[in-house]
Amino acid sequence: AKINIATQLSKAFTGAVREVLAADGELVDPRKYLGVGRDAQMAEVRERLRFVGASGKA
């Protein structure tokens, strides 16, 4: 079975960035919001690894 992970990672990243930018419309420094996107993406990666049973097997 095929599992398309890239789409879910992209949605997690862009969703988190959109929330931050919506909360502060004057935010222009990418260092302030890209970290939030990266953290959301990593949380999604961890969840997917747990889902496929690969968590902690690196």
PDB file of N, CA and C in Angstrom:
ATOM      1  N   ALA A   1       0.844  -1.190   0.000  1.00  0.00           N
ATOM      2  CA  ALA A   1       0.000   0.000   0.000  1.00  0.00           C
ATOM      3  C   ALA A   1       0.878   1.238   0.000  1.00  0.00           C
ATOM      4  N   LYS A   2       0.451   2.217  -0.746  1.00  0.00           N
ATOM      5  CA  LYS A   2       1.193   3.468  -0.848  1.00  0.00           C
ATOM      6  C   LYS A   2       0.742   4.427   0.255  1.00  0.00           C
ATOM      7  N   ILE A   3       1.700   5.051   0.877  1.00  0.00           N
ATOM      8  CA  ILE A   3       1.401   6.055   1.898  1.00  0.00           C
ATOM      9  C   ILE A   3       2.020   7.368   1.440  1.00  0.00           C
ATOM     10  N   ASN A   4       1.203   8.372   1.172  1.00  0.00           N
ATOM     11  CA  ASN A   4       1.687   9.667   0.716  1.00  0.00           C
ATOM     12  C   ASN A   4       1.914  10.569   1.927  1.00  0.00           C
ATOM     13  N   ILE A   5       3.146  10.647   2.339  1.00  0.00           N
ATOM     14  CA  ILE A   5       3.493  11.400   3.539  1.00  0.00           C
ATOM     15  C   ILE A   5       3.768  12.864   3.232  1.00  0.00           C
ATOM     16  N   ALA A   6       4.316  13.150   2.057  1.00  0.00           N
ATOM     17  CA  ALA A   6       4.711  14.520   1.719  1.00  0.00           C
ATOM     18  C   ALA A   6       3.541  15.492   1.806  1.00  0.00           C
ATOM     19  N   THR A   7       2.371  15.070   1.368  1.00  0.00           N
ATOM     20  CA  THR A   7       1.202  15.948   1.412  1.00  0.00           C
ATOM     21  C   THR A   7       0.836  16.282   2.849  1.00  0.00           C
ATOM     22  N   GLN A   8       0.843  15.302   3.721  1.00  0.00           N
ATOM     23  CA  GLN A   8       0.510  15.540   5.125  1.00  0.00           C
ATOM     24  C   GLN A   8       1.545  16.446   5.793  1.00  0.00           C
ATOM     25  N   LEU A   9       2.820  16.255   5.460  1.00  0.00           N
ATOM     26  CA  LEU A   9       3.866  17.103   6.035  1.00  0.00           C
ATOM     27  C   LEU A   9       3.711  18.543   5.566  1.00  0.00           C
ATOM     28  N   SER A  10       3.403  18.709   4.298  1.00  0.00           N
ATOM     29  CA  SER A  10       3.201  20.047   3.749  1.00  0.00           C
ATOM     30  C   SER A  10       2.004  20.735   4.399  1.00  0.00           C
ATOM     31  N   LYS A  11       0.921  20.000   4.586  1.00  0.00           N
ATOM     32  CA  LYS A  11      -0.267  20.567   5.231  1.00  0.00           C
ATOM     33  C   LYS A  11       0.024  20.977   6.669  1.00  0.00           C
ATOM     34  N   ALA A  12       0.773  20.161   7.390  1.00  0.00           N
ATOM     35  CA  ALA A  12       1.112  20.489   8.780  1.00  0.00           C
ATOM     36  C   ALA A  12       1.946  21.764   8.835  1.00  0.00           C
ATOM     37  N   PHE A  13       2.948  21.854   7.956  1.00  0.00           N
ATOM     38  CA  PHE A  13       3.841  23.008   7.926  1.00  0.00           C
ATOM     39  C   PHE A  13       3.078  24.279   7.563  1.00  0.00           C
ATOM     40  N   THR A  14       2.375  24.252   6.440  1.00  0.00           N
ATOM     41  CA  THR A  14       1.692  25.463   5.985  1.00  0.00           C
ATOM     42  C   THR A  14       0.551  25.863   6.915  1.00  0.00           C
ATOM     43  N   GLY A  15      -0.123  24.894   7.504  1.00  0.00           N
ATOM     44  CA  GLY A  15      -1.195  25.213   8.440  1.00  0.00           C
ATOM     45  C   GLY A  15      -0.681  25.960   9.656  1.00  0.00           C
ATOM     46  N   ALA A  16       0.437  25.500  10.193  1.00  0.00           N
ATOM     47  CA  ALA A  16       1.017  26.156  11.367  1.00  0.00           C
ATOM     48  C   ALA A  16       1.507  27.560  11.030  1.00  0.00           C
ATOM     49  N   VAL A  17       2.152  27.708   9.881  1.00  0.00           N
ATOM     50  CA  VAL A  17       2.641  29.025   9.467  1.00  0.00           C
ATOM     51  C   VAL A  17       1.465  29.975   9.240  1.00  0.00           C
ATOM     52  N   ARG A  18       0.419  29.497   8.615  1.00  0.00           N
ATOM     53  CA  ARG A  18      -0.762  30.337   8.380  1.00  0.00           C
ATOM     54  C   ARG A  18      -1.376  30.829   9.688  1.00  0.00           C
ATOM     55  N   GLU A  19      -1.429  29.949  10.681  1.00  0.00           N
ATOM     56  CA  GLU A  19      -1.986  30.350  11.982  1.00  0.00           C
ATOM     57  C   GLU A  19      -1.171  31.476  12.605  1.00  0.00           C
ATOM     58  N   VAL A  20       0.152  31.345  12.552  1.00  0.00           N
ATOM     59  CA  VAL A  20       1.023  32.372  13.134  1.00  0.00           C
ATOM     60  C   VAL A  20       0.855  33.692  12.389  1.00  0.00           C
ATOM     61  N   LEU A  21       0.835  33.629  11.065  1.00  0.00           N
ATOM     62  CA  LEU A  21       0.710  34.854  10.277  1.00  0.00           C
ATOM     63  C   LEU A  21      -0.668  35.493  10.450  1.00  0.00           C
ATOM     64  N   ALA A  22      -1.698  34.689  10.619  1.00  0.00           N
ATOM     65  CA  ALA A  22      -3.043  35.228  10.835  1.00  0.00           C
ATOM     66  C   ALA A  22      -3.142  35.923  12.191  1.00  0.00           C
ATOM     67  N   ALA A  23      -2.417  35.406  13.171  1.00  0.00           N
ATOM     68  CA  ALA A  23      -2.451  35.989  14.510  1.00  0.00           C
ATOM     69  C   ALA A  23      -1.705  37.317  14.572  1.00  0.00           C
ATOM     70  N   ASP A  24      -0.685  37.478  13.724  1.00  0.00           N
ATOM     71  CA  ASP A  24       0.112  38.707  13.712  1.00  0.00           C
ATOM     72  C   ASP A  24       0.329  39.125  12.263  1.00  0.00           C
ATOM     73  N   GLY A  25      -0.545  39.965  11.760  1.00  0.00           N
ATOM     74  CA  GLY A  25      -0.506  40.390  10.364  1.00  0.00           C
ATOM     75  C   GLY A  25       0.708  41.215   9.985  1.00  0.00           C
ATOM     76  N   GLU A  26       1.443  41.704  10.966  1.00  0.00           N
ATOM     77  CA  GLU A  26       2.619  42.516  10.667  1.00  0.00           C
ATOM     78  C   GLU A  26       3.920  41.734  10.769  1.00  0.00           C
ATOM     79  N   LEU A  27       3.834  40.461  11.008  1.00  0.00           N
ATOM     80  CA  LEU A  27       5.018  39.614  11.135  1.00  0.00           C
ATOM     81  C   LEU A  27       5.656  39.425   9.763  1.00  0.00           C
ATOM     82  N   VAL A  28       6.923  39.815   9.622  1.00  0.00           N
ATOM     83  CA  VAL A  28       7.610  39.690   8.335  1.00  0.00           C
ATOM     84  C   VAL A  28       8.909  38.892   8.422  1.00  0.00           C
ATOM     85  N   ASP A  29       9.397  38.656   9.608  1.00  0.00           N
ATOM     86  CA  ASP A  29      10.665  37.949   9.788  1.00  0.00           C
ATOM     87  C   ASP A  29      10.427  36.439   9.740  1.00  0.00           C
ATOM     88  N   PRO A  30      10.916  35.752   8.694  1.00  0.00           N
ATOM     89  CA  PRO A  30      10.663  34.316   8.571  1.00  0.00           C
ATOM     90  C   PRO A  30      11.220  33.497   9.731  1.00  0.00           C
ATOM     91  N   ARG A  31      12.215  34.012  10.419  1.00  0.00           N
ATOM     92  CA  ARG A  31      12.762  33.275  11.565  1.00  0.00           C
ATOM     93  C   ARG A  31      11.734  33.152  12.682  1.00  0.00           C
ATOM     94  N   LYS A  32      10.758  34.034  12.693  1.00  0.00           N
ATOM     95  CA  LYS A  32       9.733  34.029  13.738  1.00  0.00           C
ATOM     96  C   LYS A  32       8.631  33.006  13.480  1.00  0.00           C
ATOM     97  N   TYR A  33       8.406  32.638  12.208  1.00  0.00           N
ATOM     98  CA  TYR A  33       7.293  31.731  11.918  1.00  0.00           C
ATOM     99  C   TYR A  33       7.691  30.413  11.264  1.00  0.00           C
ATOM    100  N   LEU A  34       8.852  30.338  10.641  1.00  0.00           N
ATOM    101  CA  LEU A  34       9.244  29.074  10.007  1.00  0.00           C
ATOM    102  C   LEU A  34       9.551  27.990  11.038  1.00  0.00           C
ATOM    103  N   GLY A  35      10.039  28.374  12.197  1.00  0.00           N
ATOM    104  CA  GLY A  35      10.296  27.401  13.261  1.00  0.00           C
ATOM    105  C   GLY A  35       9.014  26.730  13.732  1.00  0.00           C
ATOM    106  N   VAL A  36       7.934  27.486  13.768  1.00  0.00           N
ATOM    107  CA  VAL A  36       6.635  26.935  14.157  1.00  0.00           C
ATOM    108  C   VAL A  36       6.192  25.897  13.127  1.00  0.00           C
ATOM    109  N   GLY A  37       6.401  26.204  11.859  1.00  0.00           N
ATOM    110  CA  GLY A  37       6.063  25.259  10.798  1.00  0.00           C
ATOM    111  C   GLY A  37       6.894  23.996  10.879  1.00  0.00           C
ATOM    112  N   ARG A  38       8.179  24.167  11.139  1.00  0.00           N
ATOM    113  CA  ARG A  38       9.077  23.017  11.264  1.00  0.00           C
ATOM    114  C   ARG A  38       8.666  22.133  12.440  1.00  0.00           C
ATOM    115  N   ASP A  39       8.309  22.748  13.557  1.00  0.00           N
ATOM    116  CA  ASP A  39       7.884  21.975  14.725  1.00  0.00           C
ATOM    117  C   ASP A  39       6.605  21.187  14.441  1.00  0.00           C
ATOM    118  N   ALA A  40       5.666  21.812  13.738  1.00  0.00           N
ATOM    119  CA  ALA A  40       4.423  21.119  13.382  1.00  0.00           C
ATOM    120  C   ALA A  40       4.712  19.959  12.441  1.00  0.00           C
ATOM    121  N   GLN A  41       5.642  20.172  11.525  1.00  0.00           N
ATOM    122  CA  GLN A  41       6.015  19.119  10.581  1.00  0.00           C
ATOM    123  C   GLN A  41       6.683  17.956  11.314  1.00  0.00           C
ATOM    124  N   MET A  42       7.538  18.251  12.254  1.00  0.00           N
ATOM    125  CA  MET A  42       8.206  17.187  13.018  1.00  0.00           C
ATOM    126  C   MET A  42       7.207  16.406  13.865  1.00  0.00           C
ATOM    127  N   ALA A  43       6.213  17.084  14.402  1.00  0.00           N
ATOM    128  CA  ALA A  43       5.173  16.385  15.160  1.00  0.00           C
ATOM    129  C   ALA A  43       4.426  15.415  14.246  1.00  0.00           C
ATOM    130  N   GLU A  44       4.180  15.829  13.016  1.00  0.00           N
ATOM    131  CA  GLU A  44       3.509  14.958  12.042  1.00  0.00           C
ATOM    132  C   GLU A  44       4.403  13.768  11.686  1.00  0.00           C
ATOM    133  N   VAL A  45       5.701  13.999  11.541  1.00  0.00           N
ATOM    134  CA  VAL A  45       6.645  12.906  11.256  1.00  0.00           C
ATOM    135  C   VAL A  45       6.617  11.892  12.391  1.00  0.00           C
ATOM    136  N   ARG A  46       6.668  12.376  13.616  1.00  0.00           N
ATOM    137  CA  ARG A  46       6.637  11.464  14.769  1.00  0.00           C
ATOM    138  C   ARG A  46       5.360  10.628  14.785  1.00  0.00           C
ATOM    139  N   GLU A  47       4.239  11.272  14.487  1.00  0.00           N
ATOM    140  CA  GLU A  47       2.960  10.561  14.461  1.00  0.00           C
ATOM    141  C   GLU A  47       2.949   9.502  13.361  1.00  0.00           C
ATOM    142  N   ARG A  48       3.463   9.835  12.201  1.00  0.00           N
ATOM    143  CA  ARG A  48       3.506   8.863  11.089  1.00  0.00           C
ATOM    144  C   ARG A  48       4.433   7.703  11.421  1.00  0.00           C
ATOM    145  N   LEU A  49       5.554   7.971  12.067  1.00  0.00           N
ATOM    146  CA  LEU A  49       6.468   6.892  12.458  1.00  0.00           C
ATOM    147  C   LEU A  49       5.805   5.958  13.458  1.00  0.00           C
ATOM    148  N   ARG A  50       5.050   6.519  14.394  1.00  0.00           N
ATOM    149  CA  ARG A  50       4.306   5.680  15.335  1.00  0.00           C
ATOM    150  C   ARG A  50       3.252   4.854  14.599  1.00  0.00           C
ATOM    151  N   PHE A  51       2.599   5.480  13.629  1.00  0.00           N
ATOM    152  CA  PHE A  51       1.534   4.816  12.878  1.00  0.00           C
ATOM    153  C   PHE A  51       2.044   3.580  12.133  1.00  0.00           C
ATOM    154  N   VAL A  52       3.233   3.674  11.558  1.00  0.00           N
ATOM    155  CA  VAL A  52       3.775   2.539  10.794  1.00  0.00           C
ATOM    156  C   VAL A  52       4.620   1.612  11.662  1.00  0.00           C
ATOM    157  N   GLY A  53       4.732   1.924  12.945  1.00  0.00           N
ATOM    158  CA  GLY A  53       5.467   1.057  13.860  1.00  0.00           C
ATOM    159  C   GLY A  53       6.970   1.204  13.783  1.00  0.00           C
ATOM    160  N   ALA A  54       7.445   2.355  13.312  1.00  0.00           N
ATOM    161  CA  ALA A  54       8.880   2.563  13.160  1.00  0.00           C
ATOM    162  C   ALA A  54       9.457   3.493  14.220  1.00  0.00           C
ATOM    163  N   SER A  55       8.662   3.902  15.176  1.00  0.00           N
ATOM    164  CA  SER A  55       9.126   4.826  16.201  1.00  0.00           C
ATOM    165  C   SER A  55      10.207   4.176  17.060  1.00  0.00           C
ATOM    166  N   GLY A  56      11.339   4.875  17.209  1.00  0.00           N
ATOM    167  CA  GLY A  56      12.427   4.391  18.056  1.00  0.00           C
ATOM    168  C   GLY A  56      13.277   3.299  17.442  1.00  0.00           C
ATOM    169  N   LYS A  57      13.195   3.110  16.126  1.00  0.00           N
ATOM    170  CA  LYS A  57      13.955   2.039  15.482  1.00  0.00           C
ATOM    171  C   LYS A  57      15.060   2.556  14.573  1.00  0.00           C
ATOM    172  N   ALA A  58      15.495   3.783  14.768  1.00  0.00           N
ATOM    173  CA  ALA A  58      16.549   4.343  13.919  1.00  0.00           C
ATOM    174  C   ALA A  58      17.908   3.850  14.358  1.00  0.00           C
TER     175      ALA A  58
END
